């Protein structure tokens, strides 16, 4: 926003019928300050789907220059996710998202990547090529690169593979991501379910 004050916008896609509905989230700023609770600004049901898009917005002022890992960890994710926790207890594994904020007098203001396509949910078909691109861009013109990585779990650390997390292609087909364009393709998935 100005100086060392930054605005954070968190967008999540959640299952409307899930027992937990997060009207607020807890944010860890990574700067040693206490955590903050951010209230949901808006919720948008997705027509014809058991899903809703949630938006949370909060400002935070950092004390000074440094590199800060800002995280949001939710204690649960949906149950029955095929490639997490053996598909039987995925709701017992936390969901986490993170971003890195670099404040430097030499760099000036540095914005995070913006995702211009945020579907909720994204759907694929059995034995059909499925491709998706989040249409990411950087307001500062920084170059972007893409790679497939495991989901984040407890403490915003990557989930262990294959004990907790398995790439979707483990259950049929092949999966890849273009490191330059960000287009991810799963060619011919063979198992129905939520991934």
Protein backbone atom coordinates (compact mmCIF):
# COMPACT_ATOMS: atom_id res chain seq x y z
CA UNK A 1 0.00 0.00 0.00
CA UNK A 2 2.70 2.47 1.08
CA UNK A 3 6.13 2.21 2.73
CA UNK A 4 6.36 -1.08 4.64
CA UNK A 5 2.60 -1.57 4.66
CA UNK A 6 1.35 -4.27 2.31
CA UNK A 7 -2.15 -5.41 1.36
CA UNK A 8 -2.79 -9.16 1.26
CA UNK A 9 -5.70 -10.71 -0.63
CA UNK A 10 -6.39 -14.40 0.02
CA UNK A 11 -8.81 -16.20 -2.27
CA UNK A 12 -9.94 -19.73 -1.43
CA UNK A 13 -12.33 -22.16 -3.06
CA UNK A 14 -14.20 -24.25 -0.49
CA UNK A 15 -16.85 -26.94 -0.50
CA UNK A 16 -20.18 -25.38 0.50
CA UNK A 17 -21.44 -28.59 2.12
CA UNK A 18 -18.27 -29.05 4.21
CA UNK A 19 -18.91 -28.90 7.97
CA UNK A 20 -16.41 -26.07 8.44
CA UNK A 21 -16.97 -22.63 6.95
CA UNK A 22 -14.14 -20.17 7.55
CA UNK A 23 -15.59 -16.70 8.21
CA UNK A 24 -12.07 -15.74 9.31
CA UNK A 25 -8.49 -16.93 8.81
CA UNK A 26 -5.35 -16.63 10.92
CA UNK A 27 -2.28 -15.09 9.25
CA UNK A 28 1.31 -15.57 10.40
CA UNK A 29 3.38 -12.64 9.11
CA UNK A 30 6.79 -14.31 9.50
CA UNK A 31 8.24 -11.21 11.15
CA UNK A 32 7.99 -12.23 14.81
CA UNK A 33 4.85 -10.17 15.40
CA UNK A 34 1.71 -11.80 16.71
CA UNK A 35 -0.60 -13.52 14.27
CA UNK A 36 -3.61 -11.64 12.95
CA UNK A 37 -7.14 -12.77 12.23
CA UNK A 38 -8.64 -11.58 8.97
CA UNK A 39 -12.40 -11.52 8.41
CA UNK A 40 -13.87 -12.75 5.14
CA UNK A 41 -14.74 -9.83 2.86
CA UNK A 42 -16.94 -11.74 0.46
CA UNK A 43 -18.31 -15.19 -0.32
CA UNK A 44 -19.62 -16.10 -3.78
CA UNK A 45 -21.54 -19.37 -4.29
CA UNK A 46 -20.70 -21.06 -7.60
CA UNK A 47 -23.85 -21.76 -9.58
CA UNK A 48 -24.52 -25.46 -10.05
CA UNK A 49 -21.54 -26.53 -7.93
CA UNK A 50 -21.05 -27.52 -4.29
CA UNK A 51 -18.44 -24.77 -4.02
CA UNK A 52 -17.93 -21.16 -3.05
CA UNK A 53 -15.20 -18.58 -3.57
CA UNK A 54 -14.04 -16.72 -0.44
CA UNK A 55 -12.02 -13.49 -0.40
CA UNK A 56 -10.14 -12.14 2.62
CA UNK A 57 -8.25 -8.80 2.58
CA UNK A 58 -5.93 -7.41 5.26
CA UNK A 59 -3.10 -4.87 5.52
CA UNK A 60 0.07 -5.43 7.54
CA UNK A 61 2.97 -3.12 8.34
CA UNK A 62 6.40 -4.71 8.63
CA UNK A 63 8.94 -3.07 10.95
CA UNK A 64 11.61 -2.78 8.29
CA UNK A 65 13.59 -4.42 5.52
CA UNK A 66 13.85 -8.20 5.34
CA UNK A 67 12.47 -11.38 3.81
CA UNK A 68 9.25 -12.62 5.37
CA UNK A 69 7.34 -15.86 4.73
CA UNK A 70 3.66 -15.05 5.21
CA UNK A 71 1.46 -18.10 5.79
CA UNK A 72 -2.14 -19.11 6.33
CA UNK A 73 -2.80 -22.60 7.71
CA UNK A 74 -6.25 -24.16 7.97
CA UNK A 75 -6.48 -27.23 10.22
CA UNK A 76 -8.58 -29.23 7.73
CA UNK A 77 -9.11 -29.82 4.05
CA UNK A 78 -11.93 -31.76 2.35
CA UNK A 79 -12.32 -35.42 3.24
CA UNK A 80 -11.94 -38.05 0.52
CA UNK A 81 -9.22 -36.36 -1.53
CA UNK A 82 -7.81 -39.22 -3.60
CA UNK A 83 -4.13 -38.27 -3.54
CA UNK A 84 -3.79 -37.07 0.08
CA UNK A 85 -3.70 -39.33 3.12
CA UNK A 86 -4.65 -42.44 1.22
CA UNK A 87 -8.06 -40.94 0.31
CA UNK A 88 -9.48 -41.98 3.69
CA UNK A 89 -8.42 -39.18 6.02
CA UNK A 90 -7.39 -36.19 3.91
CA UNK A 91 -9.48 -33.98 6.22
CA UNK A 92 -6.92 -34.67 8.97
CA UNK A 93 -4.15 -32.89 7.06
CA UNK A 94 -3.87 -29.09 7.26
CA UNK A 95 -4.19 -26.90 4.19
CA UNK A 96 -1.60 -24.14 3.92
CA UNK A 97 -0.69 -21.36 1.51
CA UNK A 98 2.40 -19.17 1.68
CA UNK A 99 4.04 -16.23 -0.01
CA UNK A 100 7.41 -14.54 0.42
CA UNK A 101 7.64 -10.79 0.93
CA UNK A 102 11.00 -9.15 0.23
CA UNK A 103 11.36 -5.59 1.51
CA UNK A 104 14.55 -3.90 0.37
CA UNK A 105 15.46 -0.23 -0.07
CA UNK A 106 17.30 -1.29 -3.23
CA UNK A 107 14.33 -3.01 -4.88
CA UNK A 108 11.51 -0.59 -4.11
CA UNK A 109 7.93 -1.85 -3.89
CA UNK A 110 7.65 -5.51 -4.89
CA UNK A 111 4.25 -6.99 -5.70
CA UNK A 112 3.36 -10.68 -5.63
CA UNK A 113 2.27 -12.61 -8.67
CA UNK A 114 -1.38 -12.15 -9.64
CA UNK A 115 -3.51 -15.11 -10.75
CA UNK A 116 -6.04 -13.86 -13.28
CA UNK A 117 -7.95 -17.14 -13.55
CA UNK A 118 -9.16 -18.63 -10.29
CA UNK A 119 -11.78 -21.27 -11.12
CA UNK A 120 -13.80 -22.74 -8.33
CA UNK A 121 -13.76 -25.69 -8.76
CA UNK A 122 -11.85 -26.84 -11.86
CA UNK A 123 -13.25 -29.99 -13.45
CA UNK A 124 -11.63 -32.67 -15.63
CA UNK A 125 -13.04 -35.72 -17.43
CA UNK A 126 -11.98 -39.35 -17.35
CA UNK A 127 -9.77 -40.39 -20.30
CA UNK A 128 -9.67 -36.85 -21.70
CA UNK A 129 -6.75 -34.44 -21.91
CA UNK A 130 -7.17 -31.78 -19.21
CA UNK A 131 -5.12 -28.56 -19.30
CA UNK A 132 -5.25 -25.52 -17.07
CA UNK A 133 -3.36 -22.23 -16.92
CA UNK A 134 -3.82 -19.82 -13.96
CA UNK A 135 -2.93 -16.88 -16.23
CA UNK A 136 -0.36 -15.57 -13.78
CA UNK A 137 1.30 -12.21 -14.24
CA UNK A 138 3.63 -10.05 -12.20
CA UNK A 139 2.69 -6.35 -11.84
CA UNK A 140 6.40 -5.44 -11.60
CA UNK A 141 7.32 -7.33 -14.77
CA UNK A 142 9.35 -9.97 -12.90
CA UNK A 143 9.89 -13.21 -14.80
CA UNK A 144 7.89 -16.23 -13.63
CA UNK A 145 8.71 -19.93 -13.76
CA UNK A 146 6.54 -22.93 -12.92
CA UNK A 147 7.05 -26.42 -11.49
CA UNK A 148 4.93 -29.15 -9.91
CA UNK A 149 5.42 -29.47 -6.15
CA UNK A 150 3.61 -31.32 -3.33
CA UNK A 151 0.87 -29.53 -1.40
CA UNK A 152 1.82 -27.65 1.77
CA UNK A 153 0.68 -29.11 5.08
CA UNK A 154 1.66 -28.76 8.76
CA UNK A 155 3.77 -25.66 9.37
CA UNK A 156 3.40 -24.81 5.69
CA UNK A 157 5.98 -27.49 4.86
CA UNK A 158 5.64 -29.71 1.78
CA UNK A 159 3.71 -32.92 2.45
CA UNK A 160 5.86 -36.04 2.38
CA UNK A 161 5.67 -38.05 -0.81
CA UNK A 162 4.42 -40.67 -1.31
CA UNK A 163 3.47 -41.31 2.34
CA UNK A 164 0.95 -38.43 2.55
CA UNK A 165 0.87 -36.78 -0.88
CA UNK A 166 0.92 -38.46 -4.28
CA UNK A 167 0.94 -36.65 -7.60
CA UNK A 168 -2.42 -37.11 -9.37
CA UNK A 169 -0.78 -39.02 -12.23
CA UNK A 170 -0.08 -41.83 -9.73
CA UNK A 171 -3.73 -42.72 -10.32
CA UNK A 172 -3.51 -42.82 -14.12
CA UNK A 173 -2.38 -40.72 -17.04
CA UNK A 174 0.62 -38.39 -17.17
CA UNK A 175 0.96 -34.93 -15.68
CA UNK A 176 3.33 -32.11 -16.64
CA UNK A 177 3.68 -28.34 -16.45
CA UNK A 178 5.26 -25.97 -18.93
CA UNK A 179 7.97 -24.12 -16.93
CA UNK A 180 7.58 -20.97 -19.06
CA UNK A 181 3.85 -20.63 -19.75
CA UNK A 182 2.51 -22.32 -16.59
CA UNK A 183 0.10 -24.56 -18.52
CA UNK A 184 -0.41 -27.78 -16.57
CA UNK A 185 -1.75 -30.81 -18.44
CA UNK A 186 -3.00 -34.12 -17.11
CA UNK A 187 -3.32 -36.45 -20.07
CA UNK A 188 -6.06 -39.06 -19.72
CA UNK A 189 -6.80 -39.28 -15.98
CA UNK A 190 -8.41 -42.64 -15.24
CA UNK A 191 -9.89 -42.37 -11.73
CA UNK A 192 -12.86 -40.29 -10.65
CA UNK A 193 -12.47 -38.21 -7.51
CA UNK A 194 -11.32 -35.00 -5.92
CA UNK A 195 -7.58 -34.28 -6.19
